[in-house]
């Protein structure tokens, strides 16, 4: 049996946390994120650039974030939905007028997969202002599942963030966790950040959140040993995530700012991002 990290050893008495298997689960997630990685250039290589652009994807993701918030869905549902959209679009060309239907169908699949009480299709059609029919969404749902061969499990940045947080000296600081989550969800808007694996986005977001709130560097030797990522490896990723978070068009952040201004997220959207 592997020697447990200090963080896992502290949680070993809680069977629900499966601390003795945490490192093995982490290693398996790292393998899956490589297997399921989507090219950041798929919009240029697979889709018609005149039909679907980076901004088209960003508007769709922002809408998904808003619907996810309105239905009060679990965080993982959001990441699975965006993954399904990106993976499907990287494999099959569609028309621009199908993009919204793809978003709803992807959300429908992910809620069935992640939620205990998923919203009904009629509710998803309602928030879409009934711009398309039930049959169109169900046809797209079938197309997604067949194209992806029913492989909808995806290691998300959120799961890696949960893991990394527990390994740090700021594990009990919820404000840092929510700020890192906010930065991660901003990153979902940028297709170019698909160059990086979810675990790398999680590490970069945590580093930025700690730097913003604590003015300290959290990625020490213990973190390098526990995660397999060196500080030098994450440095350019941190810069790219930071660059997008600071330069993204404010019109794409309206929903995220509203969401993370709520007390349940400790109002982290009101924090000035100074890294």
C-alpha atoms as a PDB file:
ATOM      1  CA  UNK A   1       0.000   0.000   0.000  1.00  0.00           C
ATOM      2  CA  UNK A   2       1.266   3.473  -0.888  1.00  0.00           C
ATOM      3  CA  UNK A   3       2.237   5.845   1.873  1.00  0.00           C
ATOM      4  CA  UNK A   4      -0.518   8.399   2.316  1.00  0.00           C
ATOM      5  CA  UNK A   5       0.153  12.102   2.015  1.00  0.00           C
ATOM      6  CA  UNK A   6      -0.357  14.128   5.159  1.00  0.00           C
ATOM      7  CA  UNK A   7      -3.691  15.470   3.859  1.00  0.00           C
ATOM      8  CA  UNK A   8      -4.957  11.977   3.009  1.00  0.00           C
ATOM      9  CA  UNK A   9      -3.763  10.567   6.322  1.00  0.00           C
ATOM     10  CA  UNK A  10      -5.769  13.247   8.130  1.00  0.00           C
ATOM     11  CA  UNK A  11      -8.908  12.131   6.290  1.00  0.00           C
ATOM     12  CA  UNK A  12      -8.312   8.382   6.584  1.00  0.00           C
ATOM     13  CA  UNK A  13     -10.922   7.952   9.309  1.00  0.00           C
ATOM     14  CA  UNK A  14     -13.717   9.183   7.046  1.00  0.00           C
ATOM     15  CA  UNK A  15     -14.594   6.252   4.764  1.00  0.00           C
ATOM     16  CA  UNK A  16     -16.592   8.504   2.420  1.00  0.00           C
ATOM     17  CA  UNK A  17     -13.407  10.316   1.396  1.00  0.00           C
ATOM     18  CA  UNK A  18     -11.653   7.074   0.338  1.00  0.00           C
ATOM     19  CA  UNK A  19      -8.339   8.602   1.390  1.00  0.00           C
ATOM     20  CA  UNK A  20      -6.407   5.360   0.925  1.00  0.00           C
ATOM     21  CA  UNK A  21      -7.373   5.359  -2.766  1.00  0.00           C
ATOM     22  CA  UNK A  22      -7.059   9.110  -3.404  1.00  0.00           C
ATOM     23  CA  UNK A  23      -3.661   9.006  -5.076  1.00  0.00           C
ATOM     24  CA  UNK A  24      -4.674   6.075  -7.309  1.00  0.00           C
ATOM     25  CA  UNK A  25      -7.872   7.855  -8.313  1.00  0.00           C
ATOM     26  CA  UNK A  26      -5.832  10.966  -9.103  1.00  0.00           C
ATOM     27  CA  UNK A  27      -3.426   8.998 -11.309  1.00  0.00           C
ATOM     28  CA  UNK A  28      -6.339   7.422 -13.183  1.00  0.00           C
ATOM     29  CA  UNK A  29      -7.937  10.830 -13.759  1.00  0.00           C
ATOM     30  CA  UNK A  30      -4.617  12.091 -15.144  1.00  0.00           C
ATOM     31  CA  UNK A  31      -4.605   9.237 -17.667  1.00  0.00           C
ATOM     32  CA  UNK A  32      -8.195   9.911 -18.716  1.00  0.00           C
ATOM     33  CA  UNK A  33      -7.667  13.637 -19.221  1.00  0.00           C
ATOM     34  CA  UNK A  34      -4.903  12.837 -21.712  1.00  0.00           C
ATOM     35  CA  UNK A  35      -7.085  10.289 -23.524  1.00  0.00           C
ATOM     36  CA  UNK A  36     -10.014  12.694 -23.768  1.00  0.00           C
ATOM     37  CA  UNK A  37      -8.082  15.891 -24.526  1.00  0.00           C
ATOM     38  CA  UNK A  38      -9.689  18.106 -27.176  1.00  0.00           C
ATOM     39  CA  UNK A  39      -7.575  20.146 -29.594  1.00  0.00           C
ATOM     40  CA  UNK A  40      -7.778  23.894 -29.021  1.00  0.00           C
ATOM     41  CA  UNK A  41      -7.843  24.426 -32.805  1.00  0.00           C
ATOM     42  CA  UNK A  42     -10.883  22.254 -33.511  1.00  0.00           C
ATOM     43  CA  UNK A  43     -13.011  25.269 -34.460  1.00  0.00           C
ATOM     44  CA  UNK A  44     -10.626  26.008 -37.335  1.00  0.00           C
ATOM     45  CA  UNK A  45      -9.915  22.383 -38.264  1.00  0.00           C
ATOM     46  CA  UNK A  46     -13.376  20.792 -38.008  1.00  0.00           C
ATOM     47  CA  UNK A  47     -15.987  23.565 -38.028  1.00  0.00           C
ATOM     48  CA  UNK A  48     -16.635  26.137 -40.736  1.00  0.00           C
ATOM     49  CA  UNK A  49     -14.919  29.330 -39.427  1.00  0.00           C
ATOM     50  CA  UNK A  50     -17.612  31.418 -41.138  1.00  0.00           C
ATOM     51  CA  UNK A  51     -20.321  29.542 -39.240  1.00  0.00           C
ATOM     52  CA  UNK A  52     -18.936  28.880 -35.757  1.00  0.00           C
ATOM     53  CA  UNK A  53     -16.232  31.119 -34.258  1.00  0.00           C
ATOM     54  CA  UNK A  54     -14.504  31.423 -30.889  1.00  0.00           C
ATOM     55  CA  UNK A  55     -17.047  34.071 -29.930  1.00  0.00           C
ATOM     56  CA  UNK A  56     -19.917  31.740 -30.889  1.00  0.00           C
ATOM     57  CA  UNK A  57     -18.568  29.150 -28.500  1.00  0.00           C
ATOM     58  CA  UNK A  58     -17.997  31.748 -25.759  1.00  0.00           C
ATOM     59  CA  UNK A  59     -21.597  33.013 -26.013  1.00  0.00           C
ATOM     60  CA  UNK A  60     -22.879  29.429 -25.795  1.00  0.00           C
ATOM     61  CA  UNK A  61     -20.730  28.616 -22.745  1.00  0.00           C
ATOM     62  CA  UNK A  62     -21.863  31.821 -21.030  1.00  0.00           C
ATOM     63  CA  UNK A  63     -25.481  30.836 -21.662  1.00  0.00           C
ATOM     64  CA  UNK A  64     -24.822  27.340 -20.269  1.00  0.00           C
ATOM     65  CA  UNK A  65     -23.297  28.902 -17.131  1.00  0.00           C
ATOM     66  CA  UNK A  66     -26.411  31.044 -16.696  1.00  0.00           C
ATOM     67  CA  UNK A  67     -28.829  28.108 -17.107  1.00  0.00           C
ATOM     68  CA  UNK A  68     -26.665  26.004 -14.794  1.00  0.00           C
ATOM     69  CA  UNK A  69     -26.962  28.757 -12.173  1.00  0.00           C
ATOM     70  CA  UNK A  70     -30.717  29.178 -12.578  1.00  0.00           C
ATOM     71  CA  UNK A  71     -31.366  25.472 -12.036  1.00  0.00           C
ATOM     72  CA  UNK A  72     -28.865  25.374  -9.143  1.00  0.00           C
ATOM     73  CA  UNK A  73     -27.057  22.363 -10.599  1.00  0.00           C
ATOM     74  CA  UNK A  74     -23.947  20.770  -9.094  1.00  0.00           C
ATOM     75  CA  UNK A  75     -20.594  22.186 -10.298  1.00  0.00           C
ATOM     76  CA  UNK A  76     -19.590  19.003 -12.114  1.00  0.00           C
ATOM     77  CA  UNK A  77     -22.608  19.271 -14.432  1.00  0.00           C
ATOM     78  CA  UNK A  78     -21.248  22.498 -15.901  1.00  0.00           C
ATOM     79  CA  UNK A  79     -17.861  20.991 -16.726  1.00  0.00           C
ATOM     80  CA  UNK A  80     -19.355  17.831 -18.238  1.00  0.00           C
ATOM     81  CA  UNK A  81     -21.657  19.957 -20.411  1.00  0.00           C
ATOM     82  CA  UNK A  82     -18.833  22.086 -21.803  1.00  0.00           C
ATOM     83  CA  UNK A  83     -16.727  18.963 -22.353  1.00  0.00           C
ATOM     84  CA  UNK A  84     -19.538  17.317 -24.369  1.00  0.00           C
ATOM     85  CA  UNK A  85     -19.900  20.450 -26.498  1.00  0.00           C
ATOM     86  CA  UNK A  86     -16.171  20.696 -27.221  1.00  0.00           C
ATOM     87  CA  UNK A  87     -15.655  16.999 -27.862  1.00  0.00           C
ATOM     88  CA  UNK A  88     -18.649  16.731 -30.184  1.00  0.00           C
ATOM     89  CA  UNK A  89     -17.644  19.842 -32.134  1.00  0.00           C
ATOM     90  CA  UNK A  90     -14.106  18.458 -32.462  1.00  0.00           C
ATOM     91  CA  UNK A  91     -15.505  15.368 -34.177  1.00  0.00           C
ATOM     92  CA  UNK A  92     -18.447  16.561 -36.268  1.00  0.00           C
ATOM     93  CA  UNK A  93     -19.285  19.697 -38.234  1.00  0.00           C
ATOM     94  CA  UNK A  94     -22.609  21.393 -37.550  1.00  0.00           C
ATOM     95  CA  UNK A  95     -24.372  24.556 -38.690  1.00  0.00           C
ATOM     96  CA  UNK A  96     -24.517  27.676 -36.560  1.00  0.00           C
ATOM     97  CA  UNK A  97     -28.280  27.339 -36.083  1.00  0.00           C
ATOM     98  CA  UNK A  98     -27.649  23.954 -34.422  1.00  0.00           C
ATOM     99  CA  UNK A  99     -25.246  25.340 -31.829  1.00  0.00           C
ATOM    100  CA  UNK A 100     -27.916  26.287 -29.278  1.00  0.00           C
ATOM    101  CA  UNK A 101     -29.577  22.886 -29.711  1.00  0.00           C
ATOM    102  CA  UNK A 102     -26.190  21.256 -29.070  1.00  0.00           C
ATOM    103  CA  UNK A 103     -25.867  23.228 -25.829  1.00  0.00           C
ATOM    104  CA  UNK A 104     -29.292  22.154 -24.565  1.00  0.00           C
ATOM    105  CA  UNK A 105     -28.752  18.519 -25.543  1.00  0.00           C
ATOM    106  CA  UNK A 106     -25.336  18.466 -23.867  1.00  0.00           C
ATOM    107  CA  UNK A 107     -26.847  19.962 -20.716  1.00  0.00           C
ATOM    108  CA  UNK A 108     -29.638  17.390 -20.834  1.00  0.00           C
ATOM    109  CA  UNK A 109     -27.119  14.526 -20.981  1.00  0.00           C
ATOM    110  CA  UNK A 110     -24.909  15.914 -18.219  1.00  0.00           C
ATOM    111  CA  UNK A 111     -27.830  16.531 -15.847  1.00  0.00           C
ATOM    112  CA  UNK A 112     -29.028  12.954 -16.319  1.00  0.00           C
ATOM    113  CA  UNK A 113     -25.488  11.810 -15.588  1.00  0.00           C
ATOM    114  CA  UNK A 114     -24.648  14.037 -12.610  1.00  0.00           C
ATOM    115  CA  UNK A 115     -27.853  15.235 -10.953  1.00  0.00           C
ATOM    116  CA  UNK A 116     -30.109  13.404  -8.515  1.00  0.00           C
ATOM    117  CA  UNK A 117     -33.109  15.386  -9.761  1.00  0.00           C
ATOM    118  CA  UNK A 118     -32.300  16.585 -13.292  1.00  0.00           C
ATOM    119  CA  UNK A 119     -34.498  19.255 -14.879  1.00  0.00           C
ATOM    120  CA  UNK A 120     -37.032  18.023 -17.411  1.00  0.00           C
ATOM    121  CA  UNK A 121     -36.546  18.689 -21.096  1.00  0.00           C
ATOM    122  CA  UNK A 122     -39.639  20.934 -21.145  1.00  0.00           C
ATOM    123  CA  UNK A 123     -37.916  23.199 -18.600  1.00  0.00           C
ATOM    124  CA  UNK A 124     -34.758  23.393 -20.707  1.00  0.00           C
ATOM    125  CA  UNK A 125     -36.875  24.227 -23.745  1.00  0.00           C
ATOM    126  CA  UNK A 126     -38.636  26.928 -21.742  1.00  0.00           C
ATOM    127  CA  UNK A 127     -35.386  28.711 -20.766  1.00  0.00           C
ATOM    128  CA  UNK A 128     -34.423  28.474 -24.449  1.00  0.00           C
ATOM    129  CA  UNK A 129     -37.608  30.423 -25.254  1.00  0.00           C
ATOM    130  CA  UNK A 130     -38.870  27.392 -27.224  1.00  0.00           C
ATOM    131  CA  UNK A 131     -36.702  28.319 -30.205  1.00  0.00           C
ATOM    132  CA  UNK A 132     -36.583  24.665 -31.236  1.00  0.00           C
ATOM    133  CA  UNK A 133     -38.563  21.510 -30.653  1.00  0.00           C
ATOM    134  CA  UNK A 134     -38.327  18.568 -28.290  1.00  0.00           C
ATOM    135  CA  UNK A 135     -37.654  16.327 -31.290  1.00  0.00           C
ATOM    136  CA  UNK A 136     -34.686  18.430 -32.418  1.00  0.00           C
ATOM    137  CA  UNK A 137     -33.070  18.237 -28.972  1.00  0.00           C
ATOM    138  CA  UNK A 138     -33.636  14.475 -28.689  1.00  0.00           C
ATOM    139  CA  UNK A 139     -32.169  13.965 -32.172  1.00  0.00           C
ATOM    140  CA  UNK A 140     -29.090  15.972 -31.157  1.00  0.00           C
ATOM    141  CA  UNK A 141     -28.820  14.050 -27.880  1.00  0.00           C
ATOM    142  CA  UNK A 142     -28.758  10.793 -29.843  1.00  0.00           C
ATOM    143  CA  UNK A 143     -26.189  12.204 -32.275  1.00  0.00           C
ATOM    144  CA  UNK A 144     -23.905  13.313 -29.404  1.00  0.00           C
ATOM    145  CA  UNK A 145     -24.048   9.945 -27.653  1.00  0.00           C
ATOM    146  CA  UNK A 146     -23.467   7.982 -30.855  1.00  0.00           C
ATOM    147  CA  UNK A 147     -20.596  10.240 -31.960  1.00  0.00           C
ATOM    148  CA  UNK A 148     -18.929  10.050 -28.535  1.00  0.00           C
ATOM    149  CA  UNK A 149     -19.775   6.324 -28.262  1.00  0.00           C
ATOM    150  CA  UNK A 150     -21.526   7.028 -24.941  1.00  0.00           C
ATOM    151  CA  UNK A 151     -18.218   8.073 -23.348  1.00  0.00           C
ATOM    152  CA  UNK A 152     -19.348  11.044 -21.249  1.00  0.00           C
ATOM    153  CA  UNK A 153     -17.120  10.569 -18.195  1.00  0.00           C
ATOM    154  CA  UNK A 154     -14.575  13.358 -18.054  1.00  0.00           C
ATOM    155  CA  UNK A 155     -11.989  14.406 -15.434  1.00  0.00           C
ATOM    156  CA  UNK A 156     -12.927  18.026 -14.833  1.00  0.00           C
ATOM    157  CA  UNK A 157     -10.826  20.908 -13.558  1.00  0.00           C
ATOM    158  CA  UNK A 158     -13.272  21.151 -10.646  1.00  0.00           C
ATOM    159  CA  UNK A 159     -12.412  17.662  -9.379  1.00  0.00           C
ATOM    160  CA  UNK A 160      -8.710  18.407  -9.635  1.00  0.00           C
ATOM    161  CA  UNK A 161      -9.221  21.699  -7.809  1.00  0.00           C
ATOM    162  CA  UNK A 162     -10.936  19.859  -4.955  1.00  0.00           C
ATOM    163  CA  UNK A 163      -7.973  17.504  -4.747  1.00  0.00           C
ATOM    164  CA  UNK A 164      -5.289  20.201  -4.935  1.00  0.00           C
ATOM    165  CA  UNK A 165      -7.032  22.347  -2.355  1.00  0.00           C
ATOM    166  CA  UNK A 166      -6.913  19.570   0.239  1.00  0.00           C
ATOM    167  CA  UNK A 167      -3.171  19.189  -0.268  1.00  0.00           C
ATOM    168  CA  UNK A 168      -2.344  22.833   0.463  1.00  0.00           C
ATOM    169  CA  UNK A 169      -1.791  24.863   3.592  1.00  0.00           C
ATOM    170  CA  UNK A 170      -4.930  26.879   2.704  1.00  0.00           C
ATOM    171  CA  UNK A 171      -7.226  23.850   2.574  1.00  0.00           C
ATOM    172  CA  UNK A 172      -9.743  25.381   4.972  1.00  0.00           C
ATOM    173  CA  UNK A 173      -9.968  28.755   3.237  1.00  0.00           C
ATOM    174  CA  UNK A 174     -13.265  28.613   1.324  1.00  0.00           C
ATOM    175  CA  UNK A 175     -12.759  32.077  -0.152  1.00  0.00           C
ATOM    176  CA  UNK A 176      -9.624  30.905  -1.954  1.00  0.00           C
ATOM    177  CA  UNK A 177     -11.464  27.843  -3.255  1.00  0.00           C
ATOM    178  CA  UNK A 178     -14.373  29.917  -4.610  1.00  0.00           C
ATOM    179  CA  UNK A 179     -12.028  32.445  -6.219  1.00  0.00           C
ATOM    180  CA  UNK A 180     -10.134  29.603  -7.900  1.00  0.00           C
ATOM    181  CA  UNK A 181     -13.476  28.197  -9.078  1.00  0.00           C
ATOM    182  CA  UNK A 182     -14.406  31.620 -10.454  1.00  0.00           C
ATOM    183  CA  UNK A 183     -11.113  31.799 -12.372  1.00  0.00           C
ATOM    184  CA  UNK A 184     -11.671  28.277 -13.698  1.00  0.00           C
ATOM    185  CA  UNK A 185     -15.134  29.106 -14.973  1.00  0.00           C
ATOM    186  CA  UNK A 186     -13.786  32.204 -16.694  1.00  0.00           C
ATOM    187  CA  UNK A 187     -11.265  29.886 -18.363  1.00  0.00           C
ATOM    188  CA  UNK A 188     -14.113  27.779 -19.779  1.00  0.00           C
ATOM    189  CA  UNK A 189     -14.912  30.695 -22.095  1.00  0.00           C
ATOM    190  CA  UNK A 190     -11.543  30.527 -23.888  1.00  0.00           C
ATOM    191  CA  UNK A 191     -11.151  27.749 -26.457  1.00  0.00           C
ATOM    192  CA  UNK A 192      -7.389  28.347 -26.668  1.00  0.00           C
ATOM    193  CA  UNK A 193      -7.006  27.158 -23.052  1.00  0.00           C
ATOM    194  CA  UNK A 194      -7.996  23.681 -24.260  1.00  0.00           C
ATOM    195  CA  UNK A 195      -4.274  23.456 -24.993  1.00  0.00           C
ATOM    196  CA  UNK A 196      -3.975  22.618 -21.293  1.00  0.00           C
ATOM    197  CA  UNK A 197      -5.327  19.659 -19.377  1.00  0.00           C
ATOM    198  CA  UNK A 198      -8.012  20.206 -16.711  1.00  0.00           C
ATOM    199  CA  UNK A 199      -5.510  19.394 -13.950  1.00  0.00           C
ATOM    200  CA  UNK A 200      -3.190  22.126 -15.263  1.00  0.00           C
ATOM    201  CA  UNK A 201      -6.033  24.676 -15.341  1.00  0.00           C
ATOM    202  CA  UNK A 202      -6.932  23.684 -11.766  1.00  0.00           C
ATOM    203  CA  UNK A 203      -3.344  24.117 -10.574  1.00  0.00           C
ATOM    204  CA  UNK A 204      -3.005  27.484 -12.304  1.00  0.00           C
ATOM    205  CA  UNK A 205      -6.345  28.732 -10.932  1.00  0.00           C
ATOM    206  CA  UNK A 206      -5.399  27.754  -7.383  1.00  0.00           C
ATOM    207  CA  UNK A 207      -2.007  29.437  -7.657  1.00  0.00           C
ATOM    208  CA  UNK A 208      -3.657  32.643  -8.908  1.00  0.00           C
ATOM    209  CA  UNK A 209      -6.357  32.620  -6.220  1.00  0.00           C
ATOM    210  CA  UNK A 210      -3.823  32.226  -3.408  1.00  0.00           C
ATOM    211  CA  UNK A 211      -1.577  34.898  -4.905  1.00  0.00           C
ATOM    212  CA  UNK A 212      -4.527  37.300  -5.207  1.00  0.00           C
ATOM    213  CA  UNK A 213      -5.821  36.824  -1.648  1.00  0.00           C
ATOM    214  CA  UNK A 214      -2.748  35.834   0.350  1.00  0.00           C
ATOM    215  CA  UNK A 215       0.134  37.320  -1.638  1.00  0.00           C
ATOM    216  CA  UNK A 216       1.967  34.021  -1.276  1.00  0.00           C
ATOM    217  CA  UNK A 217       3.020  31.179  -3.558  1.00  0.00           C
ATOM    218  CA  UNK A 218       1.230  27.950  -2.716  1.00  0.00           C
ATOM    219  CA  UNK A 219       2.989  25.523  -5.076  1.00  0.00           C
ATOM    220  CA  UNK A 220       5.803  24.260  -2.868  1.00  0.00           C
ATOM    221  CA  UNK A 221       7.892  21.071  -3.000  1.00  0.00           C
ATOM    222  CA  UNK A 222       5.180  19.097  -1.206  1.00  0.00           C
ATOM    223  CA  UNK A 223       2.645  20.106  -3.855  1.00  0.00           C
ATOM    224  CA  UNK A 224       5.053  19.182  -6.621  1.00  0.00           C
ATOM    225  CA  UNK A 225       5.566  15.746  -5.106  1.00  0.00           C
ATOM    226  CA  UNK A 226       1.841  15.139  -4.500  1.00  0.00           C
ATOM    227  CA  UNK A 227       0.629  16.331  -7.928  1.00  0.00           C
ATOM    228  CA  UNK A 228       3.489  15.507 -10.267  1.00  0.00           C
ATOM    229  CA  UNK A 229       3.534  19.114 -11.526  1.00  0.00           C
ATOM    230  CA  UNK A 230       6.537  21.325 -10.937  1.00  0.00           C
ATOM    231  CA  UNK A 231       6.200  25.046 -10.401  1.00  0.00           C
ATOM    232  CA  UNK A 232       8.197  25.616 -13.602  1.00  0.00           C
ATOM    233  CA  UNK A 233       5.769  23.449 -15.596  1.00  0.00           C
ATOM    234  CA  UNK A 234       2.732  25.396 -14.373  1.00  0.00           C
ATOM    235  CA  UNK A 235       4.301  28.875 -14.759  1.00  0.00           C
ATOM    236  CA  UNK A 236       3.387  29.471 -18.450  1.00  0.00           C
ATOM    237  CA  UNK A 237      -0.101  28.047 -17.868  1.00  0.00           C
ATOM    238  CA  UNK A 238      -0.584  30.439 -14.960  1.00  0.00           C
ATOM    239  CA  UNK A 239       0.375  33.316 -17.268  1.00  0.00           C
ATOM    240  CA  UNK A 240      -2.107  32.263 -19.963  1.00  0.00           C
ATOM    241  CA  UNK A 241      -4.978  31.774 -17.518  1.00  0.00           C
ATOM    242  CA  UNK A 242      -4.153  35.104 -15.865  1.00  0.00           C
ATOM    243  CA  UNK A 243      -3.922  36.854 -19.215  1.00  0.00           C
ATOM    244  CA  UNK A 244      -7.366  35.698 -20.305  1.00  0.00           C
ATOM    245  CA  UNK A 245      -8.975  36.459 -16.928  1.00  0.00           C
ATOM    246  CA  UNK A 246      -7.661  40.020 -17.063  1.00  0.00           C
ATOM    247  CA  UNK A 247      -8.314  40.692 -20.753  1.00  0.00           C
ATOM    248  CA  UNK A 248     -11.576  38.851 -21.514  1.00  0.00           C
ATOM    249  CA  UNK A 249     -14.332  41.037 -22.941  1.00  0.00           C
ATOM    250  CA  UNK A 250     -16.513  42.120 -19.981  1.00  0.00           C
ATOM    251  CA  UNK A 251     -19.711  41.245 -21.894  1.00  0.00           C
ATOM    252  CA  UNK A 252     -18.837  37.563 -21.453  1.00  0.00           C
ATOM    253  CA  UNK A 253     -18.475  37.953 -17.681  1.00  0.00           C
ATOM    254  CA  UNK A 254     -21.886  39.372 -16.809  1.00  0.00           C
ATOM    255  CA  UNK A 255     -23.330  36.011 -15.793  1.00  0.00           C
ATOM    256  CA  UNK A 256     -20.212  34.872 -13.939  1.00  0.00           C
ATOM    257  CA  UNK A 257     -19.921  38.132 -12.020  1.00  0.00           C
ATOM    258  CA  UNK A 258     -23.564  37.879 -10.980  1.00  0.00           C
ATOM    259  CA  UNK A 259     -23.174  34.230  -9.948  1.00  0.00           C
ATOM    260  CA  UNK A 260     -20.005  34.695  -7.932  1.00  0.00           C
ATOM    261  CA  UNK A 261     -21.275  37.899  -6.320  1.00  0.00           C
ATOM    262  CA  UNK A 262     -23.675  35.768  -4.264  1.00  0.00           C
ATOM    263  CA  UNK A 263     -23.029  35.115  -0.592  1.00  0.00           C
ATOM    264  CA  UNK A 264     -22.879  31.362  -1.210  1.00  0.00           C
ATOM    265  CA  UNK A 265     -19.656  32.032  -3.138  1.00  0.00           C
ATOM    266  CA  UNK A 266     -18.483  34.580  -0.556  1.00  0.00           C
ATOM    267  CA  UNK A 267     -18.870  37.379  -3.130  1.00  0.00           C
ATOM    268  CA  UNK A 268     -15.515  36.612  -4.743  1.00  0.00           C
ATOM    269  CA  UNK A 269     -16.496  38.348  -7.993  1.00  0.00           C
ATOM    270  CA  UNK A 270     -16.142  41.646  -6.138  1.00  0.00           C
ATOM    271  CA  UNK A 271     -12.438  40.984  -5.580  1.00  0.00           C
ATOM    272  CA  UNK A 272     -10.122  42.973  -7.835  1.00  0.00           C
ATOM    273  CA  UNK A 273      -7.965  40.462  -9.675  1.00  0.00           C
ATOM    274  CA  UNK A 274      -4.396  41.511  -8.899  1.00  0.00           C
ATOM    275  CA  UNK A 275      -1.939  38.699  -9.362  1.00  0.00           C
END
